Amino acid sequence: MARFTSSTFGKISGKHGTAVAAVRKDGLCILKEYRVASNPNTVGQKNQRAKFGFVMKEINCLRSVFSRNFGGQYGINKVVAKAMKTAVTGEFPDFKLDYSKLELASGSLFTTSELRMERINENSLRLNWNPDFIMSGSPTDKLNLVLLNSQTKFVLERYEYAIRSEGKVELQIPVGWLDSDIHGWIYFSSTDGKTNSVSLHIQI
C-alpha cells in the first residue's frame, strides 16, 4: 500500500487499473492493490456452514449440560467448535456424528478406569464403575450421568446421582428407550463442585 500527497491530481479515489485509491479522514491519500473479494460460496465454505448447522441441530438438546460445564449460555459454542473438528464424519449432505467423541465435561479430576452399563429390565439400567482413584480424586466425588435418546433428542440429566465409592447405581429410563439408539456419559465432580473429570461415553 502506498501513501502519497499529489499536488498534480489532488485528492483521488476509486479503482485505477490494478490499484485502488482512497482518502483517509486526515486527508492522506492511500493507494493499494485491488483484490477481488473471496467467494463465500465455494464448495468448502458451503460444506463448513452445513457442518456447523448439522452439529447445532444434533446437540442443541444438550445445551443445558454444556452451559453447566463450559461457562454459561455460550458453552455450546466451545463444544460445537471441537465437535466439528473431531466428531463429524462424511460430507454434505451425509454428515454423521460420532457421539463417542462428544465431550460433555472436562477437568483435572480423576475419572475411572472401568465403566460398564447393563440392562436390568425394559426400563432399568445398572451402571458399574471402578471406585478406585489416583491422586486427584476422593471417595466422596459426585457422579453425574447424562443419557441421550438420539432418535427423539430427549435428554435425562442426573447430577450428583451417586458418589465414587459406591461403584454402582441403578437408573430408571422411559419405557421403550432400549429399542432406540441411546448414548450415555458420566463424569465426576469434586465435593465442592469446583472441579470436574473428563466425561466418558458409553453406548447403551
Protein backbone atom coordinates (compact mmCIF):
# COMPACT_ATOMS: atom_id res chain seq x y z
CA MET A 1 0.00 0.00 0.00
CA ALA A 2 1.33 3.42 -0.97
CA ARG A 3 0.66 6.75 0.74
CA PHE A 4 1.10 9.99 -1.16
CA THR A 5 0.22 13.64 -1.47
CA SER A 6 -0.31 14.74 -5.04
CA SER A 7 -0.20 18.42 -5.99
CA THR A 8 -0.94 17.41 -9.58
CA PHE A 9 -4.02 15.20 -9.13
CA GLY A 10 -5.27 16.50 -5.80
CA LYS A 11 -7.37 14.04 -3.86
CA ILE A 12 -8.14 10.90 -5.82
CA SER A 13 -10.20 7.84 -5.00
CA GLY A 14 -11.61 4.77 -6.66
CA LYS A 15 -10.13 1.99 -8.79
CA HIS A 16 -7.22 2.91 -11.04
CA GLY A 17 -6.06 -0.02 -13.17
CA THR A 18 -4.88 -2.70 -10.77
CA ALA A 19 -4.88 -0.31 -7.79
CA VAL A 20 -7.46 1.34 -5.57
CA ALA A 21 -7.06 4.87 -4.21
CA ALA A 22 -8.86 6.30 -1.22
CA VAL A 23 -8.68 9.36 1.00
CA ARG A 24 -8.49 8.95 4.76
CA LYS A 25 -10.19 11.31 7.22
CA ASP A 26 -6.89 13.08 7.82
CA GLY A 27 -6.65 13.91 4.09
CA LEU A 28 -3.89 11.41 3.32
CA CYS A 29 -4.30 9.51 0.05
CA ILE A 30 -3.56 5.79 0.05
CA LEU A 31 -3.06 3.51 -2.92
CA LYS A 32 -3.20 -0.28 -2.63
CA GLU A 33 -3.54 -3.33 -4.86
CA TYR A 34 -7.05 -4.20 -5.90
CA ARG A 35 -8.12 -7.69 -4.86
CA VAL A 36 -11.39 -9.39 -5.72
CA ALA A 37 -13.35 -10.35 -2.59
CA SER A 38 -13.18 -14.02 -1.79
CA ASN A 39 -16.18 -16.10 -2.87
CA PRO A 40 -18.26 -17.07 0.19
CA ASN A 41 -19.98 -19.82 -1.80
CA THR A 42 -17.15 -22.20 -2.58
CA VAL A 43 -17.77 -25.91 -2.07
CA GLY A 44 -15.54 -25.90 1.00
CA GLN A 45 -17.30 -22.93 2.61
CA LYS A 46 -20.76 -24.35 1.90
CA ASN A 47 -19.67 -27.66 3.40
CA GLN A 48 -18.36 -25.91 6.53
CA ARG A 49 -21.57 -23.94 7.05
CA ALA A 50 -23.65 -27.07 6.54
CA LYS A 51 -21.47 -28.95 9.04
CA PHE A 52 -21.99 -26.21 11.63
CA GLY A 53 -25.76 -26.36 11.15
CA PHE A 54 -25.74 -30.14 11.40
CA VAL A 55 -23.79 -30.17 14.68
CA MET A 56 -26.00 -27.47 16.22
CA LYS A 57 -29.13 -29.41 15.29
CA GLU A 58 -27.77 -32.66 16.72
CA ILE A 59 -26.51 -31.39 20.06
CA ASN A 60 -28.74 -28.42 20.85
CA CYS A 61 -30.76 -30.74 23.11
CA LEU A 62 -27.68 -30.92 25.37
CA ARG A 63 -27.36 -27.15 25.69
CA SER A 64 -28.12 -27.12 29.44
CA VAL A 65 -25.31 -29.62 30.05
CA PHE A 66 -22.80 -27.55 28.08
CA SER A 67 -23.94 -24.38 29.83
CA ARG A 68 -23.38 -26.05 33.19
CA ASN A 69 -19.92 -27.38 32.36
CA PHE A 70 -18.41 -24.92 29.87
CA GLY A 71 -19.02 -21.44 31.20
CA GLY A 72 -22.63 -20.39 30.83
CA GLN A 73 -25.06 -19.97 27.94
CA TYR A 74 -22.33 -19.83 25.30
CA GLY A 75 -20.75 -23.07 26.44
CA ILE A 76 -22.25 -24.86 23.47
CA ASN A 77 -20.04 -22.80 21.12
CA LYS A 78 -16.90 -24.42 22.56
CA VAL A 79 -18.39 -27.88 22.12
CA VAL A 80 -19.54 -27.20 18.55
CA ALA A 81 -16.09 -25.93 17.54
CA LYS A 82 -14.42 -29.06 18.86
CA ALA A 83 -17.09 -31.44 17.54
CA MET A 84 -16.74 -30.02 14.02
CA LYS A 85 -13.08 -30.99 14.08
CA THR A 86 -13.23 -34.35 15.84
CA ALA A 87 -16.75 -35.81 15.93
CA VAL A 88 -18.23 -35.29 12.44
CA THR A 89 -17.67 -37.70 9.58
CA GLY A 90 -18.85 -37.64 5.98
CA GLU A 91 -19.55 -34.81 3.56
CA PHE A 92 -22.66 -32.74 2.96
CA PRO A 93 -25.42 -33.85 2.94
CA ASP A 94 -24.37 -37.15 4.53
CA PHE A 95 -22.87 -35.98 7.81
CA LYS A 96 -22.78 -38.31 10.80
CA LEU A 97 -21.99 -37.53 14.43
CA ASP A 98 -19.68 -39.83 16.40
CA TYR A 99 -21.20 -39.46 19.88
CA SER A 100 -18.26 -41.26 21.47
CA LYS A 101 -16.11 -38.21 20.64
CA LEU A 102 -18.55 -35.68 22.04
CA GLU A 103 -17.23 -34.10 25.25
CA LEU A 104 -19.81 -33.19 27.89
CA ALA A 105 -17.37 -32.23 30.64
CA SER A 106 -13.65 -31.71 31.12
CA GLY A 107 -11.28 -31.13 34.01
CA SER A 108 -8.38 -32.47 36.03
CA LEU A 109 -10.33 -34.71 38.40
CA PHE A 110 -9.57 -38.41 38.01
CA THR A 111 -12.33 -40.26 36.17
CA THR A 112 -12.46 -44.09 36.35
CA SER A 113 -10.54 -46.97 34.84
CA GLU A 114 -13.64 -49.08 34.20
CA LEU A 115 -17.21 -48.35 33.15
CA ARG A 116 -19.98 -50.82 32.35
CA MET A 117 -23.72 -50.49 31.76
CA GLU A 118 -26.12 -53.45 31.98
CA ARG A 119 -29.84 -53.84 31.42
CA ILE A 120 -31.98 -54.97 34.36
CA ASN A 121 -35.41 -54.83 32.68
CA GLU A 122 -37.23 -52.81 30.00
CA ASN A 123 -36.81 -49.51 31.83
CA SER A 124 -33.97 -50.06 34.30
CA LEU A 125 -30.20 -49.96 33.90
CA ARG A 126 -27.32 -50.60 36.24
CA LEU A 127 -24.14 -48.61 35.89
CA ASN A 128 -20.91 -50.04 37.32
CA TRP A 129 -17.57 -48.26 37.65
CA ASN A 130 -14.24 -48.78 39.35
CA PRO A 131 -14.35 -46.69 42.56
CA ASP A 132 -10.56 -46.53 42.86
CA PHE A 133 -8.85 -43.25 42.07
CA ILE A 134 -5.37 -41.86 41.58
CA MET A 135 -4.15 -38.58 43.07
CA SER A 136 -6.82 -36.06 42.06
CA GLY A 137 -9.90 -37.79 43.41
CA SER A 138 -11.88 -38.62 46.53
CA PRO A 139 -14.31 -41.37 47.64
CA THR A 140 -16.93 -38.63 48.02
CA ASP A 141 -16.64 -37.28 44.45
CA LYS A 142 -20.12 -36.91 42.93
CA LEU A 143 -21.17 -39.00 39.93
CA ASN A 144 -23.07 -37.14 37.18
CA LEU A 145 -24.93 -39.01 34.47
CA VAL A 146 -26.40 -37.85 31.15
CA LEU A 147 -28.43 -40.07 28.82
CA LEU A 148 -29.49 -39.10 25.30
CA ASN A 149 -32.06 -40.75 23.05
CA SER A 150 -30.57 -39.80 19.69
CA GLN A 151 -33.83 -40.51 17.83
CA THR A 152 -36.14 -38.31 19.94
CA LYS A 153 -33.39 -35.94 21.19
CA PHE A 154 -34.74 -36.37 24.72
CA VAL A 155 -32.13 -35.99 27.45
CA LEU A 156 -32.01 -37.29 31.03
CA GLU A 157 -29.71 -35.34 33.33
CA ARG A 158 -28.87 -36.78 36.74
CA TYR A 159 -26.45 -34.67 38.75
CA GLU A 160 -24.79 -35.82 41.99
CA TYR A 161 -26.63 -39.11 41.49
CA ALA A 162 -24.16 -41.19 43.48
CA ILE A 163 -20.68 -40.97 44.99
CA ARG A 164 -17.50 -42.52 43.67
CA SER A 165 -17.06 -45.04 46.49
CA GLU A 166 -20.41 -46.75 45.75
CA GLY A 167 -19.14 -48.20 42.48
CA LYS A 168 -22.62 -48.80 41.05
CA VAL A 169 -26.06 -47.24 40.73
CA GLU A 170 -29.40 -48.15 39.18
CA LEU A 171 -31.28 -45.83 36.86
CA GLN A 172 -34.87 -45.74 35.61
CA ILE A 173 -35.40 -44.77 31.97
CA PRO A 174 -38.57 -44.23 29.91
CA VAL A 175 -40.26 -47.40 28.66
CA GLY A 176 -39.26 -48.12 25.05
CA TRP A 177 -35.92 -46.33 25.23
CA LEU A 178 -33.96 -49.53 24.97
CA ASP A 179 -35.36 -50.00 21.46
CA SER A 180 -33.70 -46.73 20.42
CA ASP A 181 -30.13 -45.58 19.95
CA ILE A 182 -29.12 -44.46 23.46
CA HIS A 183 -25.87 -42.75 24.42
CA GLY A 184 -24.68 -42.15 27.95
CA TRP A 185 -21.92 -40.09 29.56
CA ILE A 186 -20.64 -39.97 33.11
CA TYR A 187 -18.25 -37.62 34.82
CA PHE A 188 -17.25 -36.92 38.40
CA SER A 189 -17.34 -33.61 40.28
CA SER A 190 -15.45 -32.72 43.42
CA THR A 191 -17.48 -32.29 46.60
CA ASP A 192 -17.19 -28.50 46.39
CA GLY A 193 -18.31 -28.57 42.74
CA LYS A 194 -15.27 -26.66 41.51
CA THR A 195 -13.56 -29.45 39.54
CA ASN A 196 -14.86 -32.00 37.03
CA SER A 197 -13.36 -35.01 35.36
CA VAL A 198 -13.41 -35.63 31.64
CA SER A 199 -16.70 -37.21 30.55
CA LEU A 200 -16.73 -40.85 29.49
CA HIS A 201 -19.10 -42.10 26.79
CA ILE A 202 -20.89 -45.41 26.94
CA GLN A 203 -23.12 -46.95 24.26
CA ILE A 204 -26.29 -48.49 25.70
